[in-house]
Amino acid sequence: MNRNFSVDIMVGLFVVLGFCALVFLAMRAGNMNAAIGLTDTYAVKARFDNIGGLKPRAAVRSAGVVVGRVTAIRFNDKTYQAEVLMALDGRYRFPKDSSAKIMTSGLLGEQYIGLEPGGDAAMVEPDGLISMTQSAVVLENLIGQFLYGKAAEGDRK
C-alpha cells in the first residue's frame, strides 16, 4: 500500500508540474509577460478623441513588434477624451515626440496601439504623456461619410 501511495503522489506532482508548464508556455506565446509582471515596465499615457473598440491588455506595437500592453482605459471628464495607460517594456525607450495611433489588425480584427518613434533626443519619461495621437478609424463613420457624400453628389445632378 505504501508503494501505491508514493506512486500516486509522484503522478500528482507530475500532473501539477505539467499544468504549470502549460500555463507558462501559454503566457509566453501570448506575450503576456508584462501583464503579470515578469518584465521591467514603465507607464506612459496617451489621450485619444475616440478609442473605438480598444480594450485593456491590447498590444502596443512599434514596427510590428509588441513593445507593451494597454493597462487601463479611462474617461477624462475635463478634456472629454479617453486616457489610455500603457505599460511599455523597459528595454524600449521612445523619443518625446513619438506618436501613437489606434490601428486594426486586418479589416475587422483586434485593435492595438501603434507607436511611431520621433526624432527628439529626449525620451518619454515614466508616467509621461505621448501628446501626438490619432484616434481609431470607426468603420461605421467611414460608411456614413461615404453614403452622405454619394447622397450629396446625387443632389447636385
N, C-alpha and C. Protein backbone atom coordinates (compact mmCIF):
# COMPACT_ATOMS: atom_id res chain seq x y z
N MET A 1 0.82 -1.19 0.00
CA MET A 1 0.00 0.00 0.00
C MET A 1 0.86 1.26 0.00
N ASN A 2 2.01 1.25 0.67
CA ASN A 2 2.91 2.39 0.66
C ASN A 2 3.41 2.68 -0.74
N ARG A 3 3.68 1.62 -1.49
CA ARG A 3 4.18 1.80 -2.85
C ARG A 3 3.14 2.51 -3.72
N ASN A 4 1.88 2.14 -3.64
CA ASN A 4 0.83 2.78 -4.42
C ASN A 4 0.64 4.24 -4.01
N PHE A 5 0.78 4.52 -2.71
CA PHE A 5 0.63 5.89 -2.24
C PHE A 5 1.74 6.78 -2.78
N SER A 6 2.96 6.31 -2.79
CA SER A 6 4.08 7.11 -3.31
C SER A 6 3.97 7.29 -4.82
N VAL A 7 3.47 6.27 -5.51
CA VAL A 7 3.26 6.40 -6.96
C VAL A 7 2.18 7.44 -7.23
N ASP A 8 1.11 7.43 -6.44
CA ASP A 8 0.04 8.42 -6.60
C ASP A 8 0.57 9.83 -6.37
N ILE A 9 1.41 10.01 -5.37
CA ILE A 9 1.99 11.33 -5.09
C ILE A 9 2.86 11.76 -6.26
N MET A 10 3.67 10.88 -6.79
CA MET A 10 4.55 11.22 -7.91
C MET A 10 3.74 11.58 -9.16
N VAL A 11 2.69 10.83 -9.44
CA VAL A 11 1.84 11.13 -10.60
C VAL A 11 1.15 12.49 -10.41
N GLY A 12 0.64 12.73 -9.22
CA GLY A 12 0.00 14.01 -8.93
C GLY A 12 0.97 15.18 -9.09
N LEU A 13 2.18 15.04 -8.60
CA LEU A 13 3.20 16.07 -8.74
C LEU A 13 3.55 16.30 -10.20
N PHE A 14 3.64 15.21 -10.96
CA PHE A 14 3.92 15.32 -12.39
C PHE A 14 2.80 16.09 -13.12
N VAL A 15 1.56 15.81 -12.78
CA VAL A 15 0.42 16.50 -13.41
C VAL A 15 0.44 17.98 -13.07
N VAL A 16 0.71 18.33 -11.81
CA VAL A 16 0.76 19.74 -11.40
C VAL A 16 1.89 20.46 -12.12
N LEU A 17 3.07 19.85 -12.21
CA LEU A 17 4.18 20.47 -12.93
C LEU A 17 3.87 20.63 -14.41
N GLY A 18 3.22 19.64 -15.00
CA GLY A 18 2.82 19.74 -16.40
C GLY A 18 1.84 20.89 -16.62
N PHE A 19 0.88 21.04 -15.73
CA PHE A 19 -0.09 22.13 -15.83
C PHE A 19 0.61 23.48 -15.70
N CYS A 20 1.54 23.62 -14.75
CA CYS A 20 2.29 24.86 -14.58
C CYS A 20 3.11 25.18 -15.84
N ALA A 21 3.70 24.17 -16.44
CA ALA A 21 4.47 24.38 -17.67
C ALA A 21 3.57 24.84 -18.81
N LEU A 22 2.37 24.27 -18.92
CA LEU A 22 1.43 24.70 -19.96
C LEU A 22 1.00 26.15 -19.75
N VAL A 23 0.73 26.55 -18.51
CA VAL A 23 0.35 27.94 -18.23
C VAL A 23 1.50 28.87 -18.59
N PHE A 24 2.72 28.50 -18.22
CA PHE A 24 3.89 29.32 -18.54
C PHE A 24 4.05 29.47 -20.06
N LEU A 25 3.93 28.38 -20.79
CA LEU A 25 4.06 28.44 -22.25
C LEU A 25 2.94 29.26 -22.89
N ALA A 26 1.73 29.16 -22.36
CA ALA A 26 0.63 29.96 -22.89
C ALA A 26 0.87 31.45 -22.67
N MET A 27 1.41 31.79 -21.51
CA MET A 27 1.72 33.20 -21.24
C MET A 27 2.83 33.70 -22.16
N ARG A 28 3.82 32.89 -22.40
CA ARG A 28 4.91 33.29 -23.30
C ARG A 28 4.41 33.41 -24.74
N ALA A 29 3.57 32.47 -25.17
CA ALA A 29 3.06 32.51 -26.54
C ALA A 29 2.15 33.70 -26.75
N GLY A 30 1.39 34.07 -25.73
CA GLY A 30 0.50 35.22 -25.83
C GLY A 30 1.19 36.53 -25.51
N ASN A 31 2.50 36.49 -25.26
CA ASN A 31 3.29 37.67 -24.93
C ASN A 31 2.66 38.43 -23.76
N MET A 32 2.26 37.71 -22.74
CA MET A 32 1.60 38.31 -21.58
C MET A 32 2.57 38.49 -20.41
N ASN A 33 3.87 38.44 -20.65
CA ASN A 33 4.84 38.58 -19.56
C ASN A 33 4.68 39.89 -18.82
N ALA A 34 4.49 40.98 -19.56
CA ALA A 34 4.37 42.29 -18.91
C ALA A 34 3.10 42.38 -18.09
N ALA A 35 2.04 41.70 -18.52
CA ALA A 35 0.77 41.78 -17.81
C ALA A 35 0.84 41.14 -16.43
N ILE A 36 1.73 40.18 -16.26
CA ILE A 36 1.83 39.53 -14.95
C ILE A 36 3.11 39.89 -14.22
N GLY A 37 3.84 40.88 -14.72
CA GLY A 37 5.00 41.39 -14.01
C GLY A 37 6.28 40.60 -14.18
N LEU A 38 6.45 39.87 -15.27
CA LEU A 38 7.68 39.12 -15.48
C LEU A 38 8.78 39.98 -16.11
N THR A 39 8.44 41.16 -16.63
CA THR A 39 9.44 42.04 -17.21
C THR A 39 9.36 43.41 -16.57
N ASP A 40 10.43 44.18 -16.69
CA ASP A 40 10.50 45.53 -16.17
C ASP A 40 9.75 46.45 -17.14
N THR A 41 8.75 47.16 -16.65
CA THR A 41 7.96 48.05 -17.50
C THR A 41 7.92 49.45 -16.92
N TYR A 42 7.52 50.40 -17.75
CA TYR A 42 7.27 51.75 -17.29
C TYR A 42 5.96 52.23 -17.90
N ALA A 43 5.27 53.10 -17.17
CA ALA A 43 3.93 53.55 -17.58
C ALA A 43 4.04 54.80 -18.45
N VAL A 44 3.16 54.86 -19.45
CA VAL A 44 3.04 56.00 -20.35
C VAL A 44 1.55 56.22 -20.59
N LYS A 45 1.16 57.48 -20.79
CA LYS A 45 -0.24 57.81 -21.01
C LYS A 45 -0.40 58.51 -22.36
N ALA A 46 -1.55 58.29 -23.01
CA ALA A 46 -1.89 58.98 -24.26
C ALA A 46 -3.38 59.30 -24.23
N ARG A 47 -3.76 60.42 -24.84
CA ARG A 47 -5.17 60.82 -24.89
C ARG A 47 -5.68 60.75 -26.32
N PHE A 48 -6.88 60.17 -26.48
CA PHE A 48 -7.49 60.00 -27.79
C PHE A 48 -8.92 60.54 -27.77
N ASP A 49 -9.37 61.08 -28.91
CA ASP A 49 -10.76 61.53 -29.03
C ASP A 49 -11.71 60.34 -29.13
N ASN A 50 -11.28 59.26 -29.78
CA ASN A 50 -12.11 58.08 -29.96
C ASN A 50 -11.21 56.85 -29.96
N ILE A 51 -11.48 55.91 -29.05
CA ILE A 51 -10.64 54.71 -28.99
C ILE A 51 -11.27 53.53 -29.71
N GLY A 52 -12.46 53.70 -30.27
CA GLY A 52 -13.09 52.60 -30.99
C GLY A 52 -13.33 51.42 -30.08
N GLY A 53 -12.84 50.24 -30.45
CA GLY A 53 -13.03 49.03 -29.67
C GLY A 53 -11.77 48.60 -28.92
N LEU A 54 -10.86 49.55 -28.66
CA LEU A 54 -9.64 49.21 -27.93
C LEU A 54 -9.99 48.71 -26.53
N LYS A 55 -9.29 47.67 -26.10
CA LYS A 55 -9.57 47.06 -24.79
C LYS A 55 -8.29 46.98 -23.96
N PRO A 56 -8.44 46.92 -22.64
CA PRO A 56 -7.26 46.68 -21.80
C PRO A 56 -6.58 45.37 -22.20
N ARG A 57 -5.28 45.32 -22.05
CA ARG A 57 -4.40 44.21 -22.43
C ARG A 57 -4.17 44.13 -23.94
N ALA A 58 -4.65 45.14 -24.70
CA ALA A 58 -4.36 45.17 -26.13
C ALA A 58 -2.87 45.45 -26.31
N ALA A 59 -2.34 45.00 -27.42
CA ALA A 59 -0.91 45.16 -27.69
C ALA A 59 -0.57 46.60 -28.01
N VAL A 60 0.64 46.99 -27.65
CA VAL A 60 1.25 48.24 -28.09
C VAL A 60 2.41 47.81 -28.96
N ARG A 61 2.41 48.22 -30.24
CA ARG A 61 3.41 47.75 -31.19
C ARG A 61 4.17 48.92 -31.79
N SER A 62 5.41 48.65 -32.10
CA SER A 62 6.23 49.59 -32.85
C SER A 62 6.98 48.76 -33.89
N ALA A 63 6.85 49.13 -35.14
CA ALA A 63 7.46 48.40 -36.26
C ALA A 63 7.00 46.95 -36.28
N GLY A 64 5.78 46.69 -35.82
CA GLY A 64 5.22 45.36 -35.82
C GLY A 64 5.61 44.50 -34.63
N VAL A 65 6.48 45.02 -33.75
CA VAL A 65 6.95 44.27 -32.59
C VAL A 65 6.15 44.72 -31.36
N VAL A 66 5.69 43.77 -30.56
CA VAL A 66 4.96 44.11 -29.34
C VAL A 66 5.96 44.67 -28.33
N VAL A 67 5.75 45.94 -27.95
CA VAL A 67 6.65 46.61 -27.00
C VAL A 67 5.95 46.93 -25.69
N GLY A 68 4.68 46.56 -25.57
CA GLY A 68 3.96 46.82 -24.34
C GLY A 68 2.52 46.38 -24.44
N ARG A 69 1.74 46.74 -23.41
CA ARG A 69 0.32 46.41 -23.33
C ARG A 69 -0.45 47.58 -22.77
N VAL A 70 -1.72 47.69 -23.17
CA VAL A 70 -2.63 48.67 -22.59
C VAL A 70 -3.02 48.15 -21.21
N THR A 71 -2.83 48.97 -20.18
CA THR A 71 -3.15 48.53 -18.82
C THR A 71 -4.51 49.02 -18.36
N ALA A 72 -4.92 50.23 -18.80
CA ALA A 72 -6.20 50.77 -18.36
C ALA A 72 -6.69 51.81 -19.36
N ILE A 73 -7.99 51.97 -19.40
CA ILE A 73 -8.62 53.00 -20.23
C ILE A 73 -9.63 53.72 -19.34
N ARG A 74 -9.55 55.03 -19.33
CA ARG A 74 -10.50 55.80 -18.52
C ARG A 74 -10.89 57.07 -19.26
N PHE A 75 -12.01 57.65 -18.84
CA PHE A 75 -12.54 58.86 -19.46
C PHE A 75 -12.14 60.06 -18.63
N ASN A 76 -11.56 61.08 -19.27
CA ASN A 76 -11.19 62.32 -18.60
C ASN A 76 -12.34 63.30 -18.78
N ASP A 77 -13.04 63.63 -17.68
CA ASP A 77 -14.22 64.49 -17.79
C ASP A 77 -13.87 65.97 -17.91
N LYS A 78 -12.60 66.32 -17.88
CA LYS A 78 -12.19 67.71 -18.09
C LYS A 78 -11.88 67.97 -19.56
N THR A 79 -11.22 67.02 -20.22
CA THR A 79 -10.88 67.18 -21.63
C THR A 79 -11.85 66.45 -22.55
N TYR A 80 -12.71 65.62 -21.97
CA TYR A 80 -13.67 64.80 -22.72
C TYR A 80 -12.96 63.91 -23.73
N GLN A 81 -11.87 63.33 -23.27
CA GLN A 81 -11.11 62.40 -24.08
C GLN A 81 -10.89 61.11 -23.30
N ALA A 82 -10.54 60.07 -24.04
CA ALA A 82 -10.19 58.80 -23.41
C ALA A 82 -8.70 58.83 -23.10
N GLU A 83 -8.34 58.46 -21.88
CA GLU A 83 -6.94 58.34 -21.49
C GLU A 83 -6.57 56.86 -21.49
N VAL A 84 -5.56 56.53 -22.24
CA VAL A 84 -5.10 55.15 -22.34
C VAL A 84 -3.76 55.05 -21.61
N LEU A 85 -3.73 54.18 -20.61
CA LEU A 85 -2.49 53.94 -19.87
C LEU A 85 -1.83 52.69 -20.43
N MET A 86 -0.54 52.79 -20.70
CA MET A 86 0.20 51.69 -21.30
C MET A 86 1.39 51.33 -20.43
N ALA A 87 1.72 50.07 -20.40
CA ALA A 87 2.95 49.59 -19.75
C ALA A 87 3.89 49.17 -20.87
N LEU A 88 4.96 49.94 -21.06
CA LEU A 88 5.93 49.64 -22.11
C LEU A 88 7.10 48.88 -21.52
N ASP A 89 7.64 47.96 -22.29
CA ASP A 89 8.79 47.16 -21.86
C ASP A 89 9.97 48.09 -21.59
N GLY A 90 10.63 47.90 -20.47
CA GLY A 90 11.74 48.76 -20.07
C GLY A 90 12.92 48.73 -21.03
N ARG A 91 13.01 47.71 -21.86
CA ARG A 91 14.11 47.64 -22.83
C ARG A 91 13.96 48.65 -23.95
N TYR A 92 12.73 49.14 -24.17
CA TYR A 92 12.47 50.01 -25.30
C TYR A 92 12.13 51.41 -24.80
N ARG A 93 12.91 52.39 -25.24
CA ARG A 93 12.67 53.79 -24.90
C ARG A 93 12.26 54.52 -26.17
N PHE A 94 11.34 55.47 -26.05
CA PHE A 94 10.83 56.19 -27.20
C PHE A 94 11.05 57.68 -27.02
N PRO A 95 11.37 58.39 -28.12
CA PRO A 95 11.55 59.84 -28.04
C PRO A 95 10.27 60.56 -27.61
N LYS A 96 10.43 61.77 -27.03
CA LYS A 96 9.28 62.54 -26.53
C LYS A 96 8.29 62.88 -27.63
N ASP A 97 8.77 63.07 -28.85
CA ASP A 97 7.87 63.45 -29.94
C ASP A 97 7.32 62.25 -30.70
N SER A 98 7.30 61.08 -30.07
CA SER A 98 6.70 59.89 -30.69
C SER A 98 5.20 60.09 -30.81
N SER A 99 4.59 59.37 -31.74
CA SER A 99 3.14 59.46 -31.91
C SER A 99 2.51 58.09 -31.70
N ALA A 100 1.25 58.12 -31.29
CA ALA A 100 0.50 56.89 -31.03
C ALA A 100 -0.77 56.90 -31.87
N LYS A 101 -1.04 55.79 -32.54
CA LYS A 101 -2.25 55.63 -33.35
C LYS A 101 -2.97 54.37 -32.93
N ILE A 102 -4.28 54.42 -32.97
CA ILE A 102 -5.06 53.20 -32.73
C ILE A 102 -5.28 52.56 -34.10
N MET A 103 -4.80 51.34 -34.22
CA MET A 103 -4.84 50.64 -35.50
C MET A 103 -5.60 49.34 -35.36
N THR A 104 -5.94 48.74 -36.49
CA THR A 104 -6.69 47.49 -36.51
C THR A 104 -5.91 46.45 -37.29
N SER A 105 -5.83 45.23 -36.75
CA SER A 105 -5.23 44.11 -37.46
C SER A 105 -6.24 43.60 -38.47
N GLY A 106 -5.96 43.75 -39.73
CA GLY A 106 -6.89 43.30 -40.76
C GLY A 106 -8.09 44.24 -40.86
N LEU A 107 -9.10 43.82 -41.61
CA LEU A 107 -10.25 44.67 -41.83
C LEU A 107 -11.14 44.79 -40.60
N LEU A 108 -11.43 43.69 -39.95
CA LEU A 108 -12.29 43.71 -38.78
C LEU A 108 -11.61 43.07 -37.56
N GLY A 109 -10.28 43.09 -37.52
CA GLY A 109 -9.55 42.42 -36.46
C GLY A 109 -9.47 43.22 -35.18
N GLU A 110 -8.65 42.74 -34.26
CA GLU A 110 -8.49 43.39 -32.98
C GLU A 110 -7.75 44.71 -33.14
N GLN A 111 -8.00 45.63 -32.23
CA GLN A 111 -7.34 46.92 -32.27
C GLN A 111 -6.14 46.93 -31.35
N TYR A 112 -5.14 47.70 -31.73
CA TYR A 112 -3.92 47.84 -30.94
C TYR A 112 -3.41 49.26 -31.10
N ILE A 113 -2.42 49.62 -30.30
CA ILE A 113 -1.82 50.94 -30.42
C ILE A 113 -0.50 50.80 -31.15
N GLY A 114 -0.33 51.60 -32.19
CA GLY A 114 0.92 51.63 -32.95
C GLY A 114 1.73 52.85 -32.54
N LEU A 115 2.94 52.65 -32.06
CA LEU A 115 3.83 53.75 -31.70
C LEU A 115 4.82 54.00 -32.82
N GLU A 116 4.92 55.26 -33.22
CA GLU A 116 5.90 55.65 -34.22
C GLU A 116 6.90 56.56 -33.54
N PRO A 117 8.17 56.15 -33.48
CA PRO A 117 9.17 56.97 -32.79
C PRO A 117 9.42 58.28 -33.52
N GLY A 118 9.67 59.31 -32.75
CA GLY A 118 10.01 60.62 -33.30
C GLY A 118 11.51 60.77 -33.42
N GLY A 119 11.96 62.01 -33.51
CA GLY A 119 13.39 62.26 -33.69
C GLY A 119 14.02 63.04 -32.56
N ASP A 120 13.27 63.31 -31.50
CA ASP A 120 13.78 64.08 -30.36
C ASP A 120 14.85 63.28 -29.63
N ALA A 121 15.85 64.00 -29.08
CA ALA A 121 16.90 63.33 -28.32
C ALA A 121 16.41 62.93 -26.93
N ALA A 122 15.46 63.69 -26.38
CA ALA A 122 14.92 63.37 -25.05
C ALA A 122 13.90 62.25 -25.18
N MET A 123 13.89 61.38 -24.20
CA MET A 123 12.99 60.23 -24.20
C MET A 123 11.76 60.48 -23.32
N VAL A 124 10.69 59.76 -23.61
CA VAL A 124 9.48 59.83 -22.78
C VAL A 124 9.83 59.29 -21.41
N GLU A 125 9.53 60.06 -20.40
CA GLU A 125 9.80 59.65 -19.03
C GLU A 125 8.73 58.67 -18.55
N PRO A 126 9.05 57.86 -17.54
CA PRO A 126 8.00 57.03 -16.92
C PRO A 126 6.88 57.94 -16.40
N ASP A 127 5.64 57.51 -16.57
CA ASP A 127 4.43 58.29 -16.26
C ASP A 127 4.31 59.52 -17.14
N GLY A 128 4.99 59.52 -18.28
CA GLY A 128 4.93 60.64 -19.21
C GLY A 128 3.72 60.55 -20.12
N LEU A 129 3.58 61.56 -20.98
CA LEU A 129 2.44 61.68 -21.89
C LEU A 129 2.93 61.70 -23.32
N ILE A 130 2.31 60.87 -24.15
CA ILE A 130 2.53 60.94 -25.60
C ILE A 130 1.43 61.84 -26.13
N SER A 131 1.82 63.04 -26.58
CA SER A 131 0.81 64.04 -26.91
C SER A 131 0.30 63.95 -28.35
N MET A 132 1.10 63.44 -29.26
CA MET A 132 0.64 63.32 -30.64
C MET A 132 -0.07 61.98 -30.83
N THR A 133 -1.38 62.05 -30.99
CA THR A 133 -2.18 60.82 -31.12
C THR A 133 -3.12 60.92 -32.31
N GLN A 134 -3.51 59.77 -32.80
CA GLN A 134 -4.51 59.68 -33.87
C GLN A 134 -5.55 58.66 -33.42
N SER A 135 -6.80 59.09 -33.41
CA SER A 135 -7.88 58.23 -32.92
C SER A 135 -8.15 57.07 -33.86
N ALA A 136 -8.97 56.16 -33.37
CA ALA A 136 -9.35 54.99 -34.15
C ALA A 136 -10.21 55.37 -35.33
N VAL A 137 -10.06 54.65 -36.41
CA VAL A 137 -10.93 54.81 -37.57
C VAL A 137 -12.13 53.89 -37.33
N VAL A 138 -13.30 54.48 -37.19
CA VAL A 138 -14.50 53.71 -36.92
C VAL A 138 -15.19 53.42 -38.25
N LEU A 139 -15.35 52.14 -38.55
CA LEU A 139 -15.89 51.70 -39.83
C LEU A 139 -17.28 52.30 -40.10
N GLU A 140 -18.11 52.37 -39.07
CA GLU A 140 -19.46 52.92 -39.24
C GLU A 140 -19.41 54.39 -39.68
N ASN A 141 -18.46 55.17 -39.13
CA ASN A 141 -18.32 56.57 -39.52
C ASN A 141 -17.86 56.69 -40.97
N LEU A 142 -16.95 55.82 -41.39
CA LEU A 142 -16.49 55.86 -42.78
C LEU A 142 -17.62 55.53 -43.75
N ILE A 143 -18.41 54.53 -43.42
CA ILE A 143 -19.55 54.17 -44.29
C ILE A 143 -20.55 55.32 -44.34
N GLY A 144 -20.82 55.93 -43.19
CA GLY A 144 -21.75 57.07 -43.15
C GLY A 144 -21.25 58.23 -43.98
N GLN A 145 -19.96 58.55 -43.90
CA GLN A 145 -19.40 59.64 -44.70
C GLN A 145 -19.48 59.32 -46.19
N PHE A 146 -19.23 58.07 -46.54
CA PHE A 146 -19.31 57.66 -47.94
C PHE A 146 -20.73 57.81 -48.46
N LEU A 147 -21.70 57.29 -47.69
CA LEU A 147 -23.10 57.39 -48.12
C LEU A 147 -23.57 58.83 -48.17
N TYR A 148 -23.17 59.64 -47.21
CA TYR A 148 -23.56 61.05 -47.19
C TYR A 148 -22.97 61.77 -48.40
N GLY A 149 -21.71 61.45 -48.74
CA GLY A 149 -21.07 62.06 -49.91
C GLY A 149 -21.77 61.65 -51.20
N LYS A 150 -22.18 60.38 -51.30
CA LYS A 150 -22.90 59.93 -52.50
C LYS A 150 -24.27 60.59 -52.60
N ALA A 151 -24.93 60.79 -51.46
CA ALA A 151 -26.25 61.42 -51.48
C ALA A 151 -26.11 62.88 -51.88
N ALA A 152 -25.09 63.56 -51.38
CA ALA A 152 -24.88 64.97 -51.73
C ALA A 152 -24.49 65.08 -53.20
N GLU A 153 -23.74 64.12 -53.71
CA GLU A 153 -23.34 64.09 -55.12
C GLU A 153 -24.58 63.91 -56.01
N GLY A 154 -25.54 63.10 -55.59
CA GLY A 154 -26.76 62.87 -56.34
C GLY A 154 -27.66 64.09 -56.37
N ASP A 155 -27.63 64.91 -55.32
CA ASP A 155 -28.44 66.14 -55.27
C ASP A 155 -27.96 67.19 -56.26
N ARG A 156 -26.68 67.18 -56.58
CA ARG A 156 -26.11 68.18 -57.48
C ARG A 156 -26.43 67.90 -58.94
N LYS A 157 -26.82 66.69 -59.26
CA LYS A 157 -27.04 66.34 -60.68
C LYS A 157 -28.39 66.73 -61.15
